[in-house]
Amino acid sequence: MSGGRSIKREIISLIAILILFLLIFQVIIPNISGVPTPFTVVTSGSMRPTLEPGDFIIVVGCDPYQLKEGDIIVFKVPWSENMIVHRIIKVERGPDGPIFYTKGDN
Protein backbone atom coordinates (compact mmCIF):
# COMPACT_ATOMS: atom_id res chain seq x y z
CA MET A 1 0.00 0.00 0.00
CA SER A 2 2.83 2.43 0.78
CA GLY A 3 4.32 1.88 -2.71
CA GLY A 4 1.08 3.11 -4.28
CA ARG A 5 1.06 6.16 -2.03
CA SER A 6 4.67 6.94 -2.96
CA ILE A 7 3.90 6.82 -6.69
CA LYS A 8 0.84 9.01 -6.14
CA ARG A 9 2.95 11.59 -4.29
CA GLU A 10 5.58 11.56 -7.04
CA ILE A 11 2.90 12.14 -9.68
CA ILE A 12 1.38 14.99 -7.66
CA SER A 13 4.85 16.51 -7.16
CA LEU A 14 5.58 16.25 -10.88
CA ILE A 15 2.27 17.92 -11.76
CA ALA A 16 2.98 20.70 -9.25
CA ILE A 17 6.42 21.28 -10.78
CA LEU A 18 4.95 21.41 -14.30
CA ILE A 19 2.33 23.92 -13.19
CA LEU A 20 5.05 26.02 -11.57
CA PHE A 21 7.11 26.01 -14.79
CA LEU A 22 4.04 26.98 -16.83
CA LEU A 23 3.35 29.82 -14.42
CA ILE A 24 6.95 31.02 -14.69
CA PHE A 25 7.04 30.87 -18.50
CA GLN A 26 3.52 32.18 -19.15
CA VAL A 27 3.11 34.83 -16.45
CA ILE A 28 6.27 35.80 -14.60
CA ILE A 29 8.82 35.96 -17.45
CA PRO A 30 6.54 37.96 -19.82
CA ASN A 31 5.91 40.48 -17.02
CA ILE A 32 9.63 40.80 -16.28
CA SER A 33 10.68 41.02 -19.95
CA GLY A 34 7.92 43.46 -20.90
CA VAL A 35 6.84 41.46 -23.95
CA PRO A 36 4.05 38.88 -24.37
CA THR A 37 6.34 36.38 -26.10
CA PRO A 38 9.77 36.55 -24.42
CA PHE A 39 11.22 33.63 -26.38
CA THR A 40 11.27 32.97 -30.10
CA VAL A 41 13.12 30.87 -32.63
CA VAL A 42 14.83 32.32 -35.70
CA THR A 43 12.91 30.85 -38.65
CA SER A 44 14.87 32.06 -41.67
CA GLY A 45 18.44 32.58 -42.79
CA SER A 46 18.04 36.34 -43.31
CA MET A 47 20.17 37.17 -40.25
CA ARG A 48 23.13 34.93 -41.16
CA PRO A 49 25.92 34.94 -40.02
CA THR A 50 24.76 36.68 -36.81
CA LEU A 51 21.82 34.34 -36.18
CA GLU A 52 21.13 30.95 -37.73
CA PRO A 53 17.74 29.32 -38.42
CA GLY A 54 16.72 27.42 -35.31
CA ASP A 55 18.58 29.73 -32.92
CA PHE A 56 16.59 30.31 -29.74
CA ILE A 57 16.51 33.98 -28.72
CA ILE A 58 15.27 35.84 -25.67
CA VAL A 59 13.22 38.96 -26.39
CA VAL A 60 13.26 41.88 -23.96
CA GLY A 61 10.97 44.90 -24.21
CA CYS A 62 12.45 48.37 -24.43
CA ASP A 63 11.58 52.00 -25.09
CA PRO A 64 11.30 52.31 -28.89
CA TYR A 65 12.77 55.82 -28.70
CA GLN A 66 16.03 54.29 -27.42
CA LEU A 67 16.47 52.01 -30.45
CA LYS A 68 19.04 53.01 -33.06
CA GLU A 69 20.55 51.88 -36.34
CA GLY A 70 22.36 48.57 -35.91
CA ASP A 71 20.06 47.23 -33.16
CA ILE A 72 18.34 43.89 -33.76
CA ILE A 73 14.58 43.91 -33.19
CA VAL A 74 11.84 41.29 -33.19
CA PHE A 75 8.42 42.21 -34.55
CA LYS A 76 5.22 40.75 -35.96
CA VAL A 77 3.74 41.52 -39.36
CA PRO A 78 0.14 40.73 -40.36
CA TRP A 79 1.09 38.62 -43.38
CA SER A 80 3.23 36.10 -41.49
CA GLU A 81 2.69 33.78 -38.54
CA ASN A 82 6.39 33.97 -37.67
CA MET A 83 8.13 36.67 -35.68
CA ILE A 84 10.54 38.72 -37.82
CA VAL A 85 14.09 39.19 -36.53
CA HIS A 86 15.94 41.96 -38.39
CA ARG A 87 18.51 44.70 -37.89
CA ILE A 88 17.46 48.37 -37.91
CA ILE A 89 19.07 50.12 -40.89
CA LYS A 90 17.26 53.47 -40.60
CA VAL A 91 15.09 55.28 -38.03
CA GLU A 92 12.72 58.13 -38.91
CA ARG A 93 10.43 60.19 -36.75
CA GLY A 94 6.79 59.49 -37.44
CA PRO A 95 3.66 61.26 -36.16
CA ASP A 96 2.98 58.37 -33.76
CA GLY A 97 6.56 57.51 -32.84
CA PRO A 98 9.68 56.16 -34.51
CA ILE A 99 9.48 54.32 -37.83
CA PHE A 100 12.02 51.53 -38.24
CA TYR A 101 13.41 50.31 -41.55
CA THR A 102 14.90 46.86 -41.16
CA LYS A 103 16.86 44.31 -43.14
CA GLY A 104 18.44 40.93 -42.59
CA ASP A 105 22.22 40.72 -42.30
CA ASN A 106 22.77 38.88 -45.59
PDB file of N, CA and C in Angstrom:
ATOM      1  N   MET A   1       0.810  -1.196   0.000  1.00  0.00           N
ATOM      2  CA  MET A   1       0.000   0.000   0.000  1.00  0.00           C
ATOM      3  C   MET A   1       0.856   1.263   0.000  1.00  0.00           C
ATOM      4  N   SER A   2       1.990   1.241   0.714  1.00  0.00           N
ATOM      5  CA  SER A   2       2.830   2.435   0.780  1.00  0.00           C
ATOM      6  C   SER A   2       3.494   2.718  -0.564  1.00  0.00           C
ATOM      7  N   GLY A   3       3.744   1.682  -1.375  1.00  0.00           N
ATOM      8  CA  GLY A   3       4.315   1.882  -2.708  1.00  0.00           C
ATOM      9  C   GLY A   3       3.371   2.664  -3.597  1.00  0.00           C
ATOM     10  N   GLY A   4       2.083   2.382  -3.510  1.00  0.00           N
ATOM     11  CA  GLY A   4       1.079   3.109  -4.279  1.00  0.00           C
ATOM     12  C   GLY A   4       0.993   4.557  -3.854  1.00  0.00           C
ATOM     13  N   ARG A   5       1.099   4.800  -2.564  1.00  0.00           N
ATOM     14  CA  ARG A   5       1.062   6.157  -2.033  1.00  0.00           C
ATOM     15  C   ARG A   5       2.280   6.953  -2.501  1.00  0.00           C
ATOM     16  N   SER A   6       3.429   6.290  -2.535  1.00  0.00           N
ATOM     17  CA  SER A   6       4.671   6.936  -2.961  1.00  0.00           C
ATOM     18  C   SER A   6       4.587   7.360  -4.430  1.00  0.00           C
ATOM     19  N   ILE A   7       4.049   6.495  -5.266  1.00  0.00           N
ATOM     20  CA  ILE A   7       3.896   6.819  -6.686  1.00  0.00           C
ATOM     21  C   ILE A   7       2.917   7.972  -6.854  1.00  0.00           C
ATOM     22  N   LYS A   8       1.831   7.941  -6.084  1.00  0.00           N
ATOM     23  CA  LYS A   8       0.836   9.006  -6.144  1.00  0.00           C
ATOM     24  C   LYS A   8       1.467  10.347  -5.767  1.00  0.00           C
ATOM     25  N   ARG A   9       2.284  10.357  -4.719  1.00  0.00           N
ATOM     26  CA  ARG A   9       2.955  11.591  -4.289  1.00  0.00           C
ATOM     27  C   ARG A   9       3.929  12.080  -5.349  1.00  0.00           C
ATOM     28  N   GLU A  10       4.643  11.166  -5.979  1.00  0.00           N
ATOM     29  CA  GLU A  10       5.576  11.559  -7.037  1.00  0.00           C
ATOM     30  C   GLU A  10       4.835  12.178  -8.218  1.00  0.00           C
ATOM     31  N   ILE A  11       3.701  11.601  -8.579  1.00  0.00           N
ATOM     32  CA  ILE A  11       2.902  12.140  -9.682  1.00  0.00           C
ATOM     33  C   ILE A  11       2.382  13.522  -9.320  1.00  0.00           C
ATOM     34  N   ILE A  12       1.882  13.682  -8.109  1.00  0.00           N
ATOM     35  CA  ILE A  12       1.380  14.987  -7.662  1.00  0.00           C
ATOM     36  C   ILE A  12       2.517  16.008  -7.643  1.00  0.00           C
ATOM     37  N   SER A  13       3.689  15.600  -7.181  1.00  0.00           N
ATOM     38  CA  SER A  13       4.847  16.505  -7.165  1.00  0.00           C
ATOM     39  C   SER A  13       5.240  16.914  -8.578  1.00  0.00           C
ATOM     40  N   LEU A  14       5.238  15.960  -9.495  1.00  0.00           N
ATOM     41  CA  LEU A  14       5.577  16.247 -10.882  1.00  0.00           C
ATOM     42  C   LEU A  14       4.578  17.224 -11.500  1.00  0.00           C
ATOM     43  N   ILE A  15       3.304  17.013 -11.251  1.00  0.00           N
ATOM     44  CA  ILE A  15       2.267  17.917 -11.763  1.00  0.00           C
ATOM     45  C   ILE A  15       2.455  19.315 -11.181  1.00  0.00           C
ATOM     46  N   ALA A  16       2.751  19.400  -9.892  1.00  0.00           N
ATOM     47  CA  ALA A  16       2.975  20.700  -9.250  1.00  0.00           C
ATOM     48  C   ALA A  16       4.172  21.418  -9.874  1.00  0.00           C
ATOM     49  N   ILE A  17       5.234  20.685 -10.159  1.00  0.00           N
ATOM     50  CA  ILE A  17       6.421  21.283 -10.783  1.00  0.00           C
ATOM     51  C   ILE A  17       6.090  21.774 -12.192  1.00  0.00           C
ATOM     52  N   LEU A  18       5.344  20.990 -12.954  1.00  0.00           N
ATOM     53  CA  LEU A  18       4.952  21.406 -14.302  1.00  0.00           C
ATOM     54  C   LEU A  18       4.093  22.667 -14.266  1.00  0.00           C
ATOM     55  N   ILE A  19       3.166  22.730 -13.331  1.00  0.00           N
ATOM     56  CA  ILE A  19       2.326  23.921 -13.186  1.00  0.00           C
ATOM     57  C   ILE A  19       3.183  25.128 -12.827  1.00  0.00           C
ATOM     58  N   LEU A  20       4.147  24.938 -11.956  1.00  0.00           N
ATOM     59  CA  LEU A  20       5.051  26.019 -11.568  1.00  0.00           C
ATOM     60  C   LEU A  20       5.844  26.520 -12.778  1.00  0.00           C
ATOM     61  N   PHE A  21       6.380  25.604 -13.588  1.00  0.00           N
ATOM     62  CA  PHE A  21       7.112  26.010 -14.786  1.00  0.00           C
ATOM     63  C   PHE A  21       6.206  26.752 -15.765  1.00  0.00           C
ATOM     64  N   LEU A  22       4.988  26.279 -15.953  1.00  0.00           N
ATOM     65  CA  LEU A  22       4.044  26.979 -16.828  1.00  0.00           C
ATOM     66  C   LEU A  22       3.772  28.380 -16.316  1.00  0.00           C
ATOM     67  N   LEU A  23       3.584  28.510 -15.026  1.00  0.00           N
ATOM     68  CA  LEU A  23       3.353  29.817 -14.420  1.00  0.00           C
ATOM     69  C   LEU A  23       4.543  30.735 -14.672  1.00  0.00           C
ATOM     70  N   ILE A  24       5.736  30.216 -14.470  1.00  0.00           N
ATOM     71  CA  ILE A  24       6.947  31.019 -14.686  1.00  0.00           C
ATOM     72  C   ILE A  24       7.044  31.464 -16.142  1.00  0.00           C
ATOM     73  N   PHE A  25       6.861  30.543 -17.087  1.00  0.00           N
ATOM     74  CA  PHE A  25       7.041  30.870 -18.498  1.00  0.00           C
ATOM     75  C   PHE A  25       5.880  31.655 -19.098  1.00  0.00           C
ATOM     76  N   GLN A  26       4.671  31.501 -18.573  1.00  0.00           N
ATOM     77  CA  GLN A  26       3.519  32.177 -19.150  1.00  0.00           C
ATOM     78  C   GLN A  26       3.147  33.479 -18.454  1.00  0.00           C
ATOM     79  N   VAL A  27       3.532  33.646 -17.200  1.00  0.00           N
ATOM     80  CA  VAL A  27       3.112  34.826 -16.447  1.00  0.00           C
ATOM     81  C   VAL A  27       4.304  35.650 -15.974  1.00  0.00           C
ATOM     82  N   ILE A  28       5.197  35.045 -15.252  1.00  0.00           N
ATOM     83  CA  ILE A  28       6.268  35.798 -14.603  1.00  0.00           C
ATOM     84  C   ILE A  28       7.276  36.342 -15.618  1.00  0.00           C
ATOM     85  N   ILE A  29       7.809  35.507 -16.492  1.00  0.00           N
ATOM     86  CA  ILE A  29       8.824  35.962 -17.447  1.00  0.00           C
ATOM     87  C   ILE A  29       8.271  37.023 -18.405  1.00  0.00           C
ATOM     88  N   PRO A  30       7.061  36.876 -18.972  1.00  0.00           N
ATOM     89  CA  PRO A  30       6.541  37.962 -19.815  1.00  0.00           C
ATOM     90  C   PRO A  30       6.401  39.284 -19.057  1.00  0.00           C
ATOM     91  N   ASN A  31       6.027  39.239 -17.793  1.00  0.00           N
ATOM     92  CA  ASN A  31       5.913  40.476 -17.023  1.00  0.00           C
ATOM     93  C   ASN A  31       7.272  41.102 -16.767  1.00  0.00           C
ATOM     94  N   ILE A  32       8.275  40.289 -16.516  1.00  0.00           N
ATOM     95  CA  ILE A  32       9.627  40.804 -16.281  1.00  0.00           C
ATOM     96  C   ILE A  32      10.227  41.349 -17.576  1.00  0.00           C
ATOM     97  N   SER A  33      10.055  40.626 -18.677  1.00  0.00           N
ATOM     98  CA  SER A  33      10.680  41.021 -19.945  1.00  0.00           C
ATOM     99  C   SER A  33       9.949  42.176 -20.621  1.00  0.00           C
ATOM    100  N   GLY A  34       8.680  42.375 -20.291  1.00  0.00           N
ATOM    101  CA  GLY A  34       7.916  43.458 -20.897  1.00  0.00           C
ATOM    102  C   GLY A  34       7.343  43.128 -22.259  1.00  0.00           C
ATOM    103  N   VAL A  35       7.399  41.876 -22.660  1.00  0.00           N
ATOM    104  CA  VAL A  35       6.837  41.459 -23.947  1.00  0.00           C
ATOM    105  C   VAL A  35       5.982  40.214 -23.742  1.00  0.00           C
ATOM    106  N   PRO A  36       4.921  40.055 -24.565  1.00  0.00           N
ATOM    107  CA  PRO A  36       4.053  38.884 -24.374  1.00  0.00           C
ATOM    108  C   PRO A  36       4.710  37.565 -24.751  1.00  0.00           C
ATOM    109  N   THR A  37       5.656  37.601 -25.668  1.00  0.00           N
ATOM    110  CA  THR A  37       6.345  36.384 -26.098  1.00  0.00           C
ATOM    111  C   THR A  37       7.844  36.583 -25.892  1.00  0.00           C
ATOM    112  N   PRO A  38       8.360  36.246 -24.707  1.00  0.00           N
ATOM    113  CA  PRO A  38       9.765  36.548 -24.423  1.00  0.00           C
ATOM    114  C   PRO A  38      10.780  35.614 -25.073  1.00  0.00           C
ATOM    115  N   PHE A  39      10.315  34.559 -25.712  1.00  0.00           N
ATOM    116  CA  PHE A  39      11.222  33.628 -26.384  1.00  0.00           C
ATOM    117  C   PHE A  39      10.726  33.422 -27.803  1.00  0.00           C
ATOM    118  N   THR A  40      11.649  33.305 -28.730  1.00  0.00           N
ATOM    119  CA  THR A  40      11.267  32.972 -30.098  1.00  0.00           C
ATOM    120  C   THR A  40      12.423  32.225 -30.759  1.00  0.00           C
ATOM    121  N   VAL A  41      12.123  31.627 -31.871  1.00  0.00           N
ATOM    122  CA  VAL A  41      13.119  30.873 -32.631  1.00  0.00           C
ATOM    123  C   VAL A  41      13.296  31.562 -33.976  1.00  0.00           C
ATOM    124  N   VAL A  42      14.527  31.738 -34.391  1.00  0.00           N
ATOM    125  CA  VAL A  42      14.826  32.319 -35.701  1.00  0.00           C
ATOM    126  C   VAL A  42      14.364  31.318 -36.758  1.00  0.00           C
ATOM    127  N   THR A  43      13.516  31.775 -37.690  1.00  0.00           N
ATOM    128  CA  THR A  43      12.911  30.849 -38.651  1.00  0.00           C
ATOM    129  C   THR A  43      13.499  30.936 -40.052  1.00  0.00           C
ATOM    130  N   SER A  44      14.305  31.958 -40.318  1.00  0.00           N
ATOM    131  CA  SER A  44      14.875  32.062 -41.667  1.00  0.00           C
ATOM    132  C   SER A  44      16.374  32.324 -41.580  1.00  0.00           C
ATOM    133  N   GLY A  45      17.007  32.330 -42.730  1.00  0.00           N
ATOM    134  CA  GLY A  45      18.442  32.583 -42.791  1.00  0.00           C
ATOM    135  C   GLY A  45      18.787  34.040 -43.055  1.00  0.00           C
ATOM    136  N   SER A  46      17.799  34.935 -42.958  1.00  0.00           N
ATOM    137  CA  SER A  46      18.042  36.336 -43.309  1.00  0.00           C
ATOM    138  C   SER A  46      19.018  37.049 -42.379  1.00  0.00           C
ATOM    139  N   MET A  47      19.253  36.523 -41.190  1.00  0.00           N
ATOM    140  CA  MET A  47      20.169  37.169 -40.247  1.00  0.00           C
ATOM    141  C   MET A  47      21.532  36.485 -40.182  1.00  0.00           C
ATOM    142  N   ARG A  48      21.806  35.565 -41.123  1.00  0.00           N
ATOM    143  CA  ARG A  48      23.127  34.933 -41.157  1.00  0.00           C
ATOM    144  C   ARG A  48      24.182  35.981 -41.449  1.00  0.00           C
ATOM    145  N   PRO A  49      25.335  35.937 -40.908  1.00  0.00           N
ATOM    146  CA  PRO A  49      25.916  34.935 -40.023  1.00  0.00           C
ATOM    147  C   PRO A  49      25.668  35.211 -38.540  1.00  0.00           C
ATOM    148  N   THR A  50      24.981  36.331 -38.222  1.00  0.00           N
ATOM    149  CA  THR A  50      24.762  36.682 -36.814  1.00  0.00           C
ATOM    150  C   THR A  50      23.887  35.659 -36.112  1.00  0.00           C
ATOM    151  N   LEU A  51      22.759  35.319 -36.727  1.00  0.00           N
ATOM    152  CA  LEU A  51      21.819  34.341 -36.178  1.00  0.00           C
ATOM    153  C   LEU A  51      21.516  33.298 -37.244  1.00  0.00           C
ATOM    154  N   GLU A  52      21.411  32.063 -36.822  1.00  0.00           N
ATOM    155  CA  GLU A  52      21.128  30.950 -37.731  1.00  0.00           C
ATOM    156  C   GLU A  52      19.686  30.478 -37.549  1.00  0.00           C
ATOM    157  N   PRO A  53      19.064  29.905 -38.601  1.00  0.00           N
ATOM    158  CA  PRO A  53      17.737  29.317 -38.425  1.00  0.00           C
ATOM    159  C   PRO A  53      17.775  28.278 -37.304  1.00  0.00           C
ATOM    160  N   GLY A  54      16.783  28.340 -36.443  1.00  0.00           N
ATOM    161  CA  GLY A  54      16.717  27.420 -35.314  1.00  0.00           C
ATOM    162  C   GLY A  54      17.315  27.986 -34.038  1.00  0.00           C
ATOM    163  N   ASP A  55      18.046  29.111 -34.139  1.00  0.00           N
ATOM    164  CA  ASP A  55      18.579  29.733 -32.924  1.00  0.00           C
ATOM    165  C   ASP A  55      17.428  30.178 -32.034  1.00  0.00           C
ATOM    166  N   PHE A  56      17.577  29.935 -30.756  1.00  0.00           N
ATOM    167  CA  PHE A  56      16.592  30.311 -29.743  1.00  0.00           C
ATOM    168  C   PHE A  56      17.024  31.659 -29.193  1.00  0.00           C
ATOM    169  N   ILE A  57      16.140  32.666 -29.230  1.00  0.00           N
ATOM    170  CA  ILE A  57      16.512  33.982 -28.723  1.00  0.00           C
ATOM    171  C   ILE A  57      15.544  34.443 -27.647  1.00  0.00           C
ATOM    172  N   ILE A  58      16.060  35.252 -26.749  1.00  0.00           N
ATOM    173  CA  ILE A  58      15.268  35.838 -25.670  1.00  0.00           C
ATOM    174  C   ILE A  58      14.953  37.272 -26.074  1.00  0.00           C
ATOM    175  N   VAL A  59      13.686  37.643 -25.985  1.00  0.00           N
ATOM    176  CA  VAL A  59      13.224  38.964 -26.390  1.00  0.00           C
ATOM    177  C   VAL A  59      12.935  39.780 -25.134  1.00  0.00           C
ATOM    178  N   VAL A  60      13.467  40.996 -25.100  1.00  0.00           N
ATOM    179  CA  VAL A  60      13.258  41.885 -23.962  1.00  0.00           C
ATOM    180  C   VAL A  60      12.652  43.180 -24.477  1.00  0.00           C
ATOM    181  N   GLY A  61      11.604  43.652 -23.818  1.00  0.00           N
ATOM    182  CA  GLY A  61      10.967  44.901 -24.208  1.00  0.00           C
ATOM    183  C   GLY A  61      11.870  46.092 -23.911  1.00  0.00           C
ATOM    184  N   CYS A  62      11.667  47.164 -24.662  1.00  0.00           N
ATOM    185  CA  CYS A  62      12.452  48.375 -24.429  1.00  0.00           C
ATOM    186  C   CYS A  62      11.667  49.583 -24.926  1.00  0.00           C
ATOM    187  N   ASP A  63      12.170  50.748 -24.613  1.00  0.00           N
ATOM    188  CA  ASP A  63      11.583  51.995 -25.086  1.00  0.00           C
ATOM    189  C   ASP A  63      11.952  52.159 -26.559  1.00  0.00           C
ATOM    190  N   PRO A  64      10.968  52.216 -27.470  1.00  0.00           N
ATOM    191  CA  PRO A  64      11.298  52.306 -28.894  1.00  0.00           C
ATOM    192  C   PRO A  64      12.104  53.557 -29.246  1.00  0.00           C
ATOM    193  N   TYR A  65      12.003  54.598 -28.432  1.00  0.00           N
ATOM    194  CA  TYR A  65      12.766  55.818 -28.700  1.00  0.00           C
ATOM    195  C   TYR A  65      14.259  55.632 -28.417  1.00  0.00           C
ATOM    196  N   GLN A  66      14.623  54.563 -27.716  1.00  0.00           N
ATOM    197  CA  GLN A  66      16.030  54.285 -27.416  1.00  0.00           C
ATOM    198  C   GLN A  66      16.705  53.436 -28.497  1.00  0.00           C
ATOM    199  N   LEU A  67      15.903  52.867 -29.403  1.00  0.00           N
ATOM    200  CA  LEU A  67      16.466  52.011 -30.454  1.00  0.00           C
ATOM    201  C   LEU A  67      17.176  52.852 -31.508  1.00  0.00           C
ATOM    202  N   LYS A  68      18.238  52.276 -32.082  1.00  0.00           N
ATOM    203  CA  LYS A  68      19.037  53.007 -33.065  1.00  0.00           C
ATOM    204  C   LYS A  68      19.471  52.070 -34.191  1.00  0.00           C
ATOM    205  N   GLU A  69      20.031  52.666 -35.227  1.00  0.00           N
ATOM    206  CA  GLU A  69      20.552  51.875 -36.344  1.00  0.00           C
ATOM    207  C   GLU A  69      21.562  50.864 -35.822  1.00  0.00           C
ATOM    208  N   GLY A  70      21.456  49.637 -36.324  1.00  0.00           N
ATOM    209  CA  GLY A  70      22.361  48.571 -35.906  1.00  0.00           C
ATOM    210  C   GLY A  70      21.760  47.640 -34.867  1.00  0.00           C
ATOM    211  N   ASP A  71      20.717  48.095 -34.154  1.00  0.00           N
ATOM    212  CA  ASP A  71      20.064  47.230 -33.162  1.00  0.00           C
ATOM    213  C   ASP A  71      19.263  46.142 -33.870  1.00  0.00           C
ATOM    214  N   ILE A  72      19.163  44.986 -33.243  1.00  0.00           N
ATOM    215  CA  ILE A  72      18.341  43.891 -33.763  1.00  0.00           C
ATOM    216  C   ILE A  72      17.012  43.928 -33.026  1.00  0.00           C
ATOM    217  N   ILE A  73      15.911  43.895 -33.795  1.00  0.00           N
ATOM    218  CA  ILE A  73      14.584  43.911 -33.188  1.00  0.00           C
ATOM    219  C   ILE A  73      13.777  42.703 -33.657  1.00  0.00           C
ATOM    220  N   VAL A  74      12.757  42.381 -32.880  1.00  0.00           N
ATOM    221  CA  VAL A  74      11.836  41.288 -33.194  1.00  0.00           C
ATOM    222  C   VAL A  74      10.451  41.904 -33.286  1.00  0.00           C
ATOM    223  N   PHE A  75       9.743  41.620 -34.379  1.00  0.00           N
ATOM    224  CA  PHE A  75       8.420  42.205 -34.554  1.00  0.00           C
ATOM    225  C   PHE A  75       7.520  41.261 -35.336  1.00  0.00           C
ATOM    226  N   LYS A  76       6.238  41.561 -35.295  1.00  0.00           N
ATOM    227  CA  LYS A  76       5.217  40.746 -35.963  1.00  0.00           C
ATOM    228  C   LYS A  76       4.628  41.557 -37.099  1.00  0.00           C
ATOM    229  N   VAL A  77       4.408  40.896 -38.218  1.00  0.00           N
ATOM    230  CA  VAL A  77       3.735  41.519 -39.356  1.00  0.00           C
ATOM    231  C   VAL A  77       2.458  40.739 -39.644  1.00  0.00           C
ATOM    232  N   PRO A  78       1.423  41.416 -40.168  1.00  0.00           N
ATOM    233  CA  PRO A  78       0.136  40.733 -40.358  1.00  0.00           C
ATOM    234  C   PRO A  78       0.164  39.600 -41.371  1.00  0.00           C
ATOM    235  N   TRP A  79       1.092  39.620 -42.312  1.00  0.00           N
ATOM    236  CA  TRP A  79       1.092  38.616 -43.380  1.00  0.00           C
ATOM    237  C   TRP A  79       1.912  37.370 -43.063  1.00  0.00           C
ATOM    238  N   SER A  80       2.440  37.274 -41.848  1.00  0.00           N
ATOM    239  CA  SER A  80       3.232  36.097 -41.489  1.00  0.00           C
ATOM    240  C   SER A  80       2.884  35.631 -40.081  1.00  0.00           C
ATOM    241  N   GLU A  81       2.907  34.327 -39.882  1.00  0.00           N
ATOM    242  CA  GLU A  81       2.686  33.779 -38.540  1.00  0.00           C
ATOM    243  C   GLU A  81       3.960  33.848 -37.704  1.00  0.00           C
ATOM    244  N   ASN A  82       5.103  33.976 -38.363  1.00  0.00           N
ATOM    245  CA  ASN A  82       6.392  33.973 -37.668  1.00  0.00           C
ATOM    246  C   ASN A  82       6.779  35.373 -37.205  1.00  0.00           C
ATOM    247  N   MET A  83       7.543  35.420 -36.130  1.00  0.00           N
ATOM    248  CA  MET A  83       8.128  36.673 -35.682  1.00  0.00           C
ATOM    249  C   MET A  83       9.277  36.998 -36.636  1.00  0.00           C
ATOM    250  N   ILE A  84       9.460  38.271 -36.939  1.00  0.00           N
ATOM    251  CA  ILE A  84      10.537  38.717 -37.816  1.00  0.00           C
ATOM    252  C   ILE A  84      11.686  39.216 -36.943  1.00  0.00           C
ATOM    253  N   VAL A  85      12.889  38.764 -37.243  1.00  0.00           N
ATOM    254  CA  VAL A  85      14.092  39.192 -36.530  1.00  0.00           C
ATOM    255  C   VAL A  85      14.986  39.871 -37.559  1.00  0.00           C
ATOM    256  N   HIS A  86      15.135  41.201 -37.435  1.00  0.00           N
ATOM    257  CA  HIS A  86      15.937  41.962 -38.394  1.00  0.00           C
ATOM    258  C   HIS A  86      16.719  43.055 -37.683  1.00  0.00           C
ATOM    259  N   ARG A  87      17.685  43.608 -38.402  1.00  0.00           N
ATOM    260  CA  ARG A  87      18.509  44.701 -37.889  1.00  0.00           C
ATOM    261  C   ARG A  87      17.925  46.031 -38.387  1.00  0.00           C
ATOM    262  N   ILE A  88      17.916  47.031 -37.521  1.00  0.00           N
ATOM    263  CA  ILE A  88      17.459  48.366 -37.912  1.00  0.00           C
ATOM    264  C   ILE A  88      18.531  49.000 -38.797  1.00  0.00           C
ATOM    265  N   ILE A  89      18.115  49.450 -39.991  1.00  0.00           N
ATOM    266  CA  ILE A  89      19.066  50.117 -40.887  1.00  0.00           C
ATOM    267  C   ILE A  89      18.794  51.623 -40.982  1.00  0.00           C
ATOM    268  N   LYS A  90      17.598  52.050 -40.545  1.00  0.00           N
ATOM    269  CA  LYS A  90      17.258  53.472 -40.597  1.00  0.00           C
ATOM    270  C   LYS A  90      16.118  53.734 -39.617  1.00  0.00           C
ATOM    271  N   VAL A  91      16.159  54.872 -38.946  1.00  0.00           N
ATOM    272  CA  VAL A  91      15.085  55.275 -38.034  1.00  0.00           C
ATOM    273  C   VAL A  91      14.616  56.663 -38.451  1.00  0.00           C
ATOM    274  N   GLU A  92      13.307  56.821 -38.608  1.00  0.00           N
ATOM    275  CA  GLU A  92      12.718  58.125 -38.914  1.00  0.00           C
ATOM    276  C   GLU A  92      11.703  58.467 -37.839  1.00  0.00           C
ATOM    277  N   ARG A  93      11.480  59.749 -37.670  1.00  0.00           N
ATOM    278  CA  ARG A  93      10.428  60.190 -36.749  1.00  0.00           C
ATOM    279  C   ARG A  93       9.103  60.167 -37.488  1.00  0.00           C
ATOM    280  N   GLY A  94       8.121  59.523 -36.871  1.00  0.00           N
ATOM    281  CA  GLY A  94       6.788  59.495 -37.438  1.00  0.00           C
ATOM    282  C   GLY A  94       5.833  60.250 -36.531  1.00  0.00           C
ATOM    283  N   PRO A  95       4.616  60.519 -36.990  1.00  0.00           N
ATOM    284  CA  PRO A  95       3.658  61.258 -36.161  1.00  0.00           C
ATOM    285  C   PRO A  95       3.256  60.504 -34.887  1.00  0.00           C
ATOM    286  N   ASP A  96       3.365  59.179 -34.916  1.00  0.00           N
ATOM    287  CA  ASP A  96       2.981  58.368 -33.755  1.00  0.00           C
ATOM    288  C   ASP A  96       4.170  57.700 -33.085  1.00  0.00           C
ATOM    289  N   GLY A  97       5.377  58.117 -33.427  1.00  0.00           N
ATOM    290  CA  GLY A  97       6.565  57.508 -32.841  1.00  0.00           C
ATOM    291  C   GLY A  97       7.568  57.154 -33.917  1.00  0.00           C
ATOM    292  N   PRO A  98       8.643  56.483 -33.531  1.00  0.00           N
ATOM    293  CA  PRO A  98       9.680  56.155 -34.513  1.00  0.00           C
ATOM    294  C   PRO A  98       9.201  55.134 -35.544  1.00  0.00           C
ATOM    295  N   ILE A  99       9.738  55.272 -36.749  1.00  0.00           N
ATOM    296  CA  ILE A  99       9.484  54.321 -37.829  1.00  0.00           C
ATOM    297  C   ILE A  99      10.811  53.629 -38.110  1.00  0.00           C
ATOM    298  N   PHE A 100      10.800  52.302 -38.067  1.00  0.00           N
ATOM    299  CA  PHE A 100      12.024  51.530 -38.241  1.00  0.00           C
ATOM    300  C   PHE A 100      12.047  50.868 -39.611  1.00  0.00           C
ATOM    301  N   TYR A 101      13.154  51.032 -40.306  1.00  0.00           N
ATOM    302  CA  TYR A 101      13.409  50.312 -41.547  1.00  0.00           C
ATOM    303  C   TYR A 101      14.397  49.209 -41.187  1.00  0.00           C
ATOM    304  N   THR A 102      14.068  47.991 -41.587  1.00  0.00           N
ATOM    305  CA  THR A 102      14.896  46.858 -41.165  1.00  0.00           C
ATOM    306  C   THR A 102      15.328  46.021 -42.356  1.00  0.00           C
ATOM    307  N   LYS A 103      16.341  45.201 -42.098  1.00  0.00           N
ATOM    308  CA  LYS A 103      16.863  44.312 -43.136  1.00  0.00           C
ATOM    309  C   LYS A 103      17.604  43.177 -42.445  1.00  0.00           C
ATOM    310  N   GLY A 104      17.621  42.026 -43.082  1.00  0.00           N
ATOM    311  CA  GLY A 104      18.437  40.925 -42.591  1.00  0.00           C
ATOM    312  C   GLY A 104      19.912  41.228 -42.813  1.00  0.00           C
ATOM    313  N   ASP A 105      20.775  40.472 -42.189  1.00  0.00           N
ATOM    314  CA  ASP A 105      22.216  40.718 -42.299  1.00  0.00           C
ATOM    315  C   ASP A 105      22.829  40.228 -43.606  1.00  0.00           C
ATOM    316  N   ASN A 106      22.136  39.360 -44.350  1.00  0.00           N
ATOM    317  CA  ASN A 106      22.770  38.882 -45.585  1.00  0.00           C
ATOM    318  C   ASN A 106      22.049  39.369 -46.814  1.00  0.00           C
TER     319      ASN A 106
END
